[in-house]
Amino acid sequence: MTDCGCEKARAELEEFLHRELSDQDFRDVAEHLAGCVDCSAEHLIGVTLSAKVREVCQEKAPDELRAAVHARLLSLQISR
């Protein structure tokens, strides 16, 4: 394998993070990240951001808020 270079690695970083590259492209980018401090830092930012987004999307509203919203929606349906 040859180093794919920073330009290609950065252009394909999002797809790399989500494992949406062909096997060969994935290996090329992984190899580049292993040897490039700048691109591996970009990768770490992407990994961290993706993890935070997943975490936030898992959170539920507090029960009191959910009940208040539900009650308001019911009152709007009844008033029609």
PDB file of N, CA and C in Angstrom:
ATOM      1  N   MET A   1       0.839  -1.187   0.000  1.00  0.00           N
ATOM      2  CA  MET A   1       0.000   0.000   0.000  1.00  0.00           C
ATOM      3  C   MET A   1       0.881   1.247   0.000  1.00  0.00           C
ATOM      4  N   THR A   2       0.316   2.288  -0.560  1.00  0.00           N
ATOM      5  CA  THR A   2       1.020   3.562  -0.531  1.00  0.00           C
ATOM      6  C   THR A   2       0.195   4.553   0.266  1.00  0.00           C
ATOM      7  N   ASP A   3       0.881   5.523   0.830  1.00  0.00           N
ATOM      8  CA  ASP A   3       0.207   6.551   1.620  1.00  0.00           C
ATOM      9  C   ASP A   3      -0.744   7.318   0.712  1.00  0.00           C
ATOM     10  N   CYS A   4      -1.999   7.425   1.106  1.00  0.00           N
ATOM     11  CA  CYS A   4      -2.986   8.100   0.266  1.00  0.00           C
ATOM     12  C   CYS A   4      -2.855   9.609   0.325  1.00  0.00           C
ATOM     13  N   GLY A   5      -2.134  10.142   1.308  1.00  0.00           N
ATOM     14  CA  GLY A   5      -1.917  11.577   1.427  1.00  0.00           C
ATOM     15  C   GLY A   5      -2.994  12.273   2.229  1.00  0.00           C
ATOM     16  N   CYS A   6      -2.648  13.442   2.720  1.00  0.00           N
ATOM     17  CA  CYS A   6      -3.544  14.212   3.588  1.00  0.00           C
ATOM     18  C   CYS A   6      -4.825  14.627   2.873  1.00  0.00           C
ATOM     19  N   GLU A   7      -4.698  15.055   1.631  1.00  0.00           N
ATOM     20  CA  GLU A   7      -5.868  15.546   0.908  1.00  0.00           C
ATOM     21  C   GLU A   7      -6.944  14.460   0.792  1.00  0.00           C
ATOM     22  N   LYS A   8      -6.547  13.274   0.367  1.00  0.00           N
ATOM     23  CA  LYS A   8      -7.507  12.174   0.226  1.00  0.00           C
ATOM     24  C   LYS A   8      -8.025  11.736   1.603  1.00  0.00           C
ATOM     25  N   ALA A   9      -7.140  11.627   2.581  1.00  0.00           N
ATOM     26  CA  ALA A   9      -7.554  11.189   3.918  1.00  0.00           C
ATOM     27  C   ALA A   9      -8.594  12.139   4.501  1.00  0.00           C
ATOM     28  N   ARG A  10      -8.362  13.432   4.381  1.00  0.00           N
ATOM     29  CA  ARG A  10      -9.311  14.407   4.929  1.00  0.00           C
ATOM     30  C   ARG A  10     -10.615  14.428   4.137  1.00  0.00           C
ATOM     31  N   ALA A  11     -10.515  14.258   2.833  1.00  0.00           N
ATOM     32  CA  ALA A  11     -11.717  14.256   2.003  1.00  0.00           C
ATOM     33  C   ALA A  11     -12.607  13.052   2.329  1.00  0.00           C
ATOM     34  N   GLU A  12     -11.999  11.954   2.747  1.00  0.00           N
ATOM     35  CA  GLU A  12     -12.753  10.727   3.007  1.00  0.00           C
ATOM     36  C   GLU A  12     -12.924  10.431   4.498  1.00  0.00           C
ATOM     37  N   LEU A  13     -12.590  11.395   5.338  1.00  0.00           N
ATOM     38  CA  LEU A  13     -12.615  11.165   6.781  1.00  0.00           C
ATOM     39  C   LEU A  13     -14.023  10.831   7.291  1.00  0.00           C
ATOM     40  N   GLU A  14     -15.031  11.555   6.833  1.00  0.00           N
ATOM     41  CA  GLU A  14     -16.399  11.290   7.282  1.00  0.00           C
ATOM     42  C   GLU A  14     -16.831   9.874   6.917  1.00  0.00           C
ATOM     43  N   GLU A  15     -16.568   9.467   5.687  1.00  0.00           N
ATOM     44  CA  GLU A  15     -16.902   8.110   5.259  1.00  0.00           C
ATOM     45  C   GLU A  15     -16.087   7.071   6.033  1.00  0.00           C
ATOM     46  N   PHE A  16     -14.841   7.409   6.332  1.00  0.00           N
ATOM     47  CA  PHE A  16     -13.993   6.520   7.129  1.00  0.00           C
ATOM     48  C   PHE A  16     -14.591   6.311   8.514  1.00  0.00           C
ATOM     49  N   LEU A  17     -15.032   7.410   9.136  1.00  0.00           N
ATOM     50  CA  LEU A  17     -15.603   7.325  10.478  1.00  0.00           C
ATOM     51  C   LEU A  17     -16.814   6.403  10.535  1.00  0.00           C
ATOM     52  N   HIS A  18     -17.589   6.382   9.462  1.00  0.00           N
ATOM     53  CA  HIS A  18     -18.822   5.596   9.429  1.00  0.00           C
ATOM     54  C   HIS A  18     -18.645   4.272   8.680  1.00  0.00           C
ATOM     55  N   ARG A  19     -17.413   3.961   8.347  1.00  0.00           N
ATOM     56  CA  ARG A  19     -17.062   2.704   7.646  1.00  0.00           C
ATOM     57  C   ARG A  19     -17.827   2.573   6.331  1.00  0.00           C
ATOM     58  N   GLU A  20     -17.854   3.679   5.570  1.00  0.00           N
ATOM     59  CA  GLU A  20     -18.578   3.712   4.303  1.00  0.00           C
ATOM     60  C   GLU A  20     -17.642   3.693   3.099  1.00  0.00           C
ATOM     61  N   LEU A  21     -16.382   3.369   3.311  1.00  0.00           N
ATOM     62  CA  LEU A  21     -15.409   3.293   2.225  1.00  0.00           C
ATOM     63  C   LEU A  21     -15.231   1.849   1.793  1.00  0.00           C
ATOM     64  N   SER A  22     -14.722   1.678   0.587  1.00  0.00           N
ATOM     65  CA  SER A  22     -14.353   0.330   0.159  1.00  0.00           C
ATOM     66  C   SER A  22     -13.260  -0.174   1.109  1.00  0.00           C
ATOM     67  N   ASP A  23     -13.062  -1.464   1.143  1.00  0.00           N
ATOM     68  CA  ASP A  23     -12.039  -2.028   2.032  1.00  0.00           C
ATOM     69  C   ASP A  23     -10.663  -1.434   1.747  1.00  0.00           C
ATOM     70  N   GLN A  24     -10.328  -1.289   0.462  1.00  0.00           N
ATOM     71  CA  GLN A  24      -9.011  -0.754   0.105  1.00  0.00           C
ATOM     72  C   GLN A  24      -8.877   0.699   0.532  1.00  0.00           C
ATOM     73  N   ASP A  25      -9.884   1.530   0.263  1.00  0.00           N
ATOM     74  CA  ASP A  25      -9.823   2.934   0.672  1.00  0.00           C
ATOM     75  C   ASP A  25      -9.763   3.056   2.189  1.00  0.00           C
ATOM     76  N   PHE A  26     -10.513   2.204   2.880  1.00  0.00           N
ATOM     77  CA  PHE A  26     -10.486   2.218   4.344  1.00  0.00           C
ATOM     78  C   PHE A  26      -9.071   1.925   4.849  1.00  0.00           C
ATOM     79  N   ARG A  27      -8.441   0.901   4.288  1.00  0.00           N
ATOM     80  CA  ARG A  27      -7.074   0.551   4.702  1.00  0.00           C
ATOM     81  C   ARG A  27      -6.099   1.684   4.387  1.00  0.00           C
ATOM     82  N   ASP A  28      -6.266   2.305   3.209  1.00  0.00           N
ATOM     83  CA  ASP A  28      -5.375   3.411   2.832  1.00  0.00           C
ATOM     84  C   ASP A  28      -5.483   4.577   3.816  1.00  0.00           C
ATOM     85  N   VAL A  29      -6.696   4.949   4.146  1.00  0.00           N
ATOM     86  CA  VAL A  29      -6.894   6.065   5.076  1.00  0.00           C
ATOM     87  C   VAL A  29      -6.391   5.679   6.463  1.00  0.00           C
ATOM     88  N   ALA A  30      -6.684   4.465   6.905  1.00  0.00           N
ATOM     89  CA  ALA A  30      -6.213   4.008   8.222  1.00  0.00           C
ATOM     90  C   ALA A  30      -4.690   4.044   8.284  1.00  0.00           C
ATOM     91  N   GLU A  31      -4.048   3.611   7.215  1.00  0.00           N
ATOM     92  CA  GLU A  31      -2.582   3.629   7.179  1.00  0.00           C
ATOM     93  C   GLU A  31      -2.068   5.066   7.248  1.00  0.00           C
ATOM     94  N   HIS A  32      -2.713   5.956   6.537  1.00  0.00           N
ATOM     95  CA  HIS A  32      -2.288   7.356   6.567  1.00  0.00           C
ATOM     96  C   HIS A  32      -2.470   7.938   7.972  1.00  0.00           C
ATOM     97  N   LEU A  33      -3.614   7.675   8.585  1.00  0.00           N
ATOM     98  CA  LEU A  33      -3.882   8.208   9.925  1.00  0.00           C
ATOM     99  C   LEU A  33      -2.859   7.721  10.941  1.00  0.00           C
ATOM    100  N   ALA A  34      -2.403   6.490  10.761  1.00  0.00           N
ATOM    101  CA  ALA A  34      -1.423   5.924  11.693  1.00  0.00           C
ATOM    102  C   ALA A  34      -0.098   6.669  11.653  1.00  0.00           C
ATOM    103  N   GLY A  35       0.186   7.328  10.531  1.00  0.00           N
ATOM    104  CA  GLY A  35       1.473   7.998  10.421  1.00  0.00           C
ATOM    105  C   GLY A  35       1.417   9.512  10.324  1.00  0.00           C
ATOM    106  N   CYS A  36       0.229  10.101  10.361  1.00  0.00           N
ATOM    107  CA  CYS A  36       0.107  11.546  10.186  1.00  0.00           C
ATOM    108  C   CYS A  36      -0.546  12.164  11.421  1.00  0.00           C
ATOM    109  N   VAL A  37       0.214  12.955  12.144  1.00  0.00           N
ATOM    110  CA  VAL A  37      -0.271  13.571  13.376  1.00  0.00           C
ATOM    111  C   VAL A  37      -1.448  14.512  13.107  1.00  0.00           C
ATOM    112  N   ASP A  38      -1.342  15.327  12.059  1.00  0.00           N
ATOM    113  CA  ASP A  38      -2.410  16.293  11.763  1.00  0.00           C
ATOM    114  C   ASP A  38      -3.720  15.596  11.408  1.00  0.00           C
ATOM    115  N   CYS A  39      -3.661  14.617  10.526  1.00  0.00           N
ATOM    116  CA  CYS A  39      -4.886  13.926  10.111  1.00  0.00           C
ATOM    117  C   CYS A  39      -5.450  13.066  11.243  1.00  0.00           C
ATOM    118  N   SER A  40      -4.575  12.472  12.058  1.00  0.00           N
ATOM    119  CA  SER A  40      -5.082  11.673  13.174  1.00  0.00           C
ATOM    120  C   SER A  40      -5.750  12.573  14.209  1.00  0.00           C
ATOM    121  N   ALA A  41      -5.301  13.821  14.333  1.00  0.00           N
ATOM    122  CA  ALA A  41      -5.972  14.769  15.228  1.00  0.00           C
ATOM    123  C   ALA A  41      -7.357  15.107  14.682  1.00  0.00           C
ATOM    124  N   GLU A  42      -7.470  15.296  13.366  1.00  0.00           N
ATOM    125  CA  GLU A  42      -8.778  15.533  12.737  1.00  0.00           C
ATOM    126  C   GLU A  42      -9.695  14.332  12.966  1.00  0.00           C
ATOM    127  N   HIS A  43      -9.126  13.149  12.845  1.00  0.00           N
ATOM    128  CA  HIS A  43      -9.893  11.919  13.066  1.00  0.00           C
ATOM    129  C   HIS A  43     -10.411  11.854  14.500  1.00  0.00           C
ATOM    130  N   LEU A  44      -9.574  12.198  15.446  1.00  0.00           N
ATOM    131  CA  LEU A  44      -9.977  12.189  16.854  1.00  0.00           C
ATOM    132  C   LEU A  44     -11.127  13.164  17.102  1.00  0.00           C
ATOM    133  N   ILE A  45     -11.067  14.323  16.469  1.00  0.00           N
ATOM    134  CA  ILE A  45     -12.164  15.286  16.587  1.00  0.00           C
ATOM    135  C   ILE A  45     -13.452  14.670  16.050  1.00  0.00           C
ATOM    136  N   GLY A  46     -13.371  14.018  14.901  1.00  0.00           N
ATOM    137  CA  GLY A  46     -14.542  13.373  14.314  1.00  0.00           C
ATOM    138  C   GLY A  46     -15.100  12.267  15.188  1.00  0.00           C
ATOM    139  N   VAL A  47     -14.221  11.462  15.758  1.00  0.00           N
ATOM    140  CA  VAL A  47     -14.648  10.370  16.654  1.00  0.00           C
ATOM    141  C   VAL A  47     -15.341  10.953  17.883  1.00  0.00           C
ATOM    142  N   THR A  48     -14.743  11.974  18.464  1.00  0.00           N
ATOM    143  CA  THR A  48     -15.298  12.601  19.664  1.00  0.00           C
ATOM    144  C   THR A  48     -16.653  13.238  19.376  1.00  0.00           C
ATOM    145  N   LEU A  49     -16.740  13.959  18.275  1.00  0.00           N
ATOM    146  CA  LEU A  49     -17.997  14.600  17.895  1.00  0.00           C
ATOM    147  C   LEU A  49     -19.094  13.571  17.632  1.00  0.00           C
ATOM    148  N   SER A  50     -18.766  12.512  16.925  1.00  0.00           N
ATOM    149  CA  SER A  50     -19.743  11.459  16.652  1.00  0.00           C
ATOM    150  C   SER A  50     -20.243  10.812  17.945  1.00  0.00           C
ATOM    151  N   ALA A  51     -19.335  10.575  18.873  1.00  0.00           N
ATOM    152  CA  ALA A  51     -19.716   9.977  20.153  1.00  0.00           C
ATOM    153  C   ALA A  51     -20.640  10.900  20.935  1.00  0.00           C
ATOM    154  N   LYS A  52     -20.339  12.192  20.935  1.00  0.00           N
ATOM    155  CA  LYS A  52     -21.190  13.159  21.658  1.00  0.00           C
ATOM    156  C   LYS A  52     -22.574  13.252  21.030  1.00  0.00           C
ATOM    157  N   VAL A  53     -22.644  13.247  19.708  1.00  0.00           N
ATOM    158  CA  VAL A  53     -23.939  13.302  19.030  1.00  0.00           C
ATOM    159  C   VAL A  53     -24.758  12.067  19.379  1.00  0.00           C
ATOM    160  N   ARG A  54     -24.125  10.889  19.348  1.00  0.00           N
ATOM    161  CA  ARG A  54     -24.840   9.654  19.725  1.00  0.00           C
ATOM    162  C   ARG A  54     -25.337   9.741  21.165  1.00  0.00           C
ATOM    163  N   GLU A  55     -24.496  10.257  22.049  1.00  0.00           N
ATOM    164  CA  GLU A  55     -24.850  10.378  23.464  1.00  0.00           C
ATOM    165  C   GLU A  55     -26.051  11.303  23.649  1.00  0.00           C
ATOM    166  N   VAL A  56     -26.020  12.442  23.020  1.00  0.00           N
ATOM    167  CA  VAL A  56     -27.104  13.419  23.154  1.00  0.00           C
ATOM    168  C   VAL A  56     -28.407  12.865  22.572  1.00  0.00           C
ATOM    169  N   CYS A  57     -28.306  12.136  21.494  1.00  0.00           N
ATOM    170  CA  CYS A  57     -29.510  11.584  20.860  1.00  0.00           C
ATOM    171  C   CYS A  57     -30.148  10.487  21.709  1.00  0.00           C
ATOM    172  N   GLN A  58     -29.425   9.973  22.694  1.00  0.00           N
ATOM    173  CA  GLN A  58     -29.952   8.934  23.568  1.00  0.00           C
ATOM    174  C   GLN A  58     -30.703   9.503  24.764  1.00  0.00           C
ATOM    175  N   GLU A  59     -30.500  10.775  25.038  1.00  0.00           N
ATOM    176  CA  GLU A  59     -31.113  11.377  26.219  1.00  0.00           C
ATOM    177  C   GLU A  59     -32.611  11.537  26.038  1.00  0.00           C
ATOM    178  N   LYS A  60     -33.342  11.369  27.132  1.00  0.00           N
ATOM    179  CA  LYS A  60     -34.788  11.565  27.151  1.00  0.00           C
ATOM    180  C   LYS A  60     -35.098  12.820  27.954  1.00  0.00           C
ATOM    181  N   ALA A  61     -36.178  13.451  27.565  1.00  0.00           N
ATOM    182  CA  ALA A  61     -36.636  14.610  28.338  1.00  0.00           C
ATOM    183  C   ALA A  61     -37.062  14.129  29.719  1.00  0.00           C
ATOM    184  N   PRO A  62     -36.948  14.978  30.728  1.00  0.00           N
ATOM    185  CA  PRO A  62     -37.407  14.603  32.065  1.00  0.00           C
ATOM    186  C   PRO A  62     -38.898  14.245  32.033  1.00  0.00           C
ATOM    187  N   ASP A  63     -39.299  13.353  32.929  1.00  0.00           N
ATOM    188  CA  ASP A  63     -40.689  12.888  32.962  1.00  0.00           C
ATOM    189  C   ASP A  63     -41.683  14.040  33.103  1.00  0.00           C
ATOM    190  N   GLU A  64     -41.335  15.043  33.910  1.00  0.00           N
ATOM    191  CA  GLU A  64     -42.248  16.172  34.115  1.00  0.00           C
ATOM    192  C   GLU A  64     -42.480  16.929  32.807  1.00  0.00           C
ATOM    193  N   LEU A  65     -41.419  17.132  32.056  1.00  0.00           N
ATOM    194  CA  LEU A  65     -41.540  17.836  30.779  1.00  0.00           C
ATOM    195  C   LEU A  65     -42.338  17.011  29.787  1.00  0.00           C
ATOM    196  N   ARG A  66     -42.066  15.733  29.728  1.00  0.00           N
ATOM    197  CA  ARG A  66     -42.809  14.851  28.814  1.00  0.00           C
ATOM    198  C   ARG A  66     -44.296  14.871  29.155  1.00  0.00           C
ATOM    199  N   ALA A  67     -44.630  14.817  30.442  1.00  0.00           N
ATOM    200  CA  ALA A  67     -46.034  14.840  30.855  1.00  0.00           C
ATOM    201  C   ALA A  67     -46.687  16.171  30.492  1.00  0.00           C
ATOM    202  N   ALA A  68     -45.977  17.274  30.687  1.00  0.00           N
ATOM    203  CA  ALA A  68     -46.521  18.593  30.373  1.00  0.00           C
ATOM    204  C   ALA A  68     -46.775  18.734  28.871  1.00  0.00           C
ATOM    205  N   VAL A  69     -45.851  18.271  28.060  1.00  0.00           N
ATOM    206  CA  VAL A  69     -46.030  18.340  26.607  1.00  0.00           C
ATOM    207  C   VAL A  69     -47.198  17.458  26.182  1.00  0.00           C
ATOM    208  N   HIS A  70     -47.263  16.271  26.729  1.00  0.00           N
ATOM    209  CA  HIS A  70     -48.355  15.347  26.401  1.00  0.00           C
ATOM    210  C   HIS A  70     -49.706  15.964  26.784  1.00  0.00           C
ATOM    211  N   ALA A  71     -49.790  16.536  27.966  1.00  0.00           N
ATOM    212  CA  ALA A  71     -51.045  17.161  28.414  1.00  0.00           C
ATOM    213  C   ALA A  71     -51.427  18.319  27.495  1.00  0.00           C
ATOM    214  N   ARG A  72     -50.449  19.094  27.094  1.00  0.00           N
ATOM    215  CA  ARG A  72     -50.740  20.228  26.197  1.00  0.00           C
ATOM    216  C   ARG A  72     -51.226  19.740  24.854  1.00  0.00           C
ATOM    217  N   LEU A  73     -50.623  18.707  24.328  1.00  0.00           N
ATOM    218  CA  LEU A  73     -51.070  18.150  23.050  1.00  0.00           C
ATOM    219  C   LEU A  73     -52.494  17.609  23.159  1.00  0.00           C
ATOM    220  N   LEU A  74     -52.789  16.944  24.260  1.00  0.00           N
ATOM    221  CA  LEU A  74     -54.148  16.436  24.459  1.00  0.00           C
ATOM    222  C   LEU A  74     -55.159  17.583  24.532  1.00  0.00           C
ATOM    223  N   SER A  75     -54.800  18.654  25.218  1.00  0.00           N
ATOM    224  CA  SER A  75     -55.724  19.796  25.330  1.00  0.00           C
ATOM    225  C   SER A  75     -55.951  20.432  23.974  1.00  0.00           C
ATOM    226  N   LEU A  76     -54.949  20.462  23.137  1.00  0.00           N
ATOM    227  CA  LEU A  76     -55.107  21.017  21.795  1.00  0.00           C
ATOM    228  C   LEU A  76     -55.997  20.129  20.930  1.00  0.00           C
ATOM    229  N   GLN A  77     -55.897  18.830  21.086  1.00  0.00           N
ATOM    230  CA  GLN A  77     -56.746  17.905  20.331  1.00  0.00           C
ATOM    231  C   GLN A  77     -58.206  18.034  20.774  1.00  0.00           C
ATOM    232  N   ILE A  78     -58.435  18.160  22.073  1.00  0.00           N
ATOM    233  CA  ILE A  78     -59.788  18.249  22.614  1.00  0.00           C
ATOM    234  C   ILE A  78     -60.447  19.552  22.168  1.00  0.00           C
ATOM    235  N   SER A  79     -59.672  20.618  22.093  1.00  0.00           N
ATOM    236  CA  SER A  79     -60.251  21.921  21.761  1.00  0.00           C
ATOM    237  C   SER A  79     -60.593  22.063  20.277  1.00  0.00           C
ATOM    238  N   ARG A  80     -60.270  21.115  19.486  1.00  0.00           N
ATOM    239  CA  ARG A  80     -60.587  21.189  18.048  1.00  0.00           C
ATOM    240  C   ARG A  80     -62.009  20.910  17.825  1.00  0.00           C
TER     241      ARG A  80
END
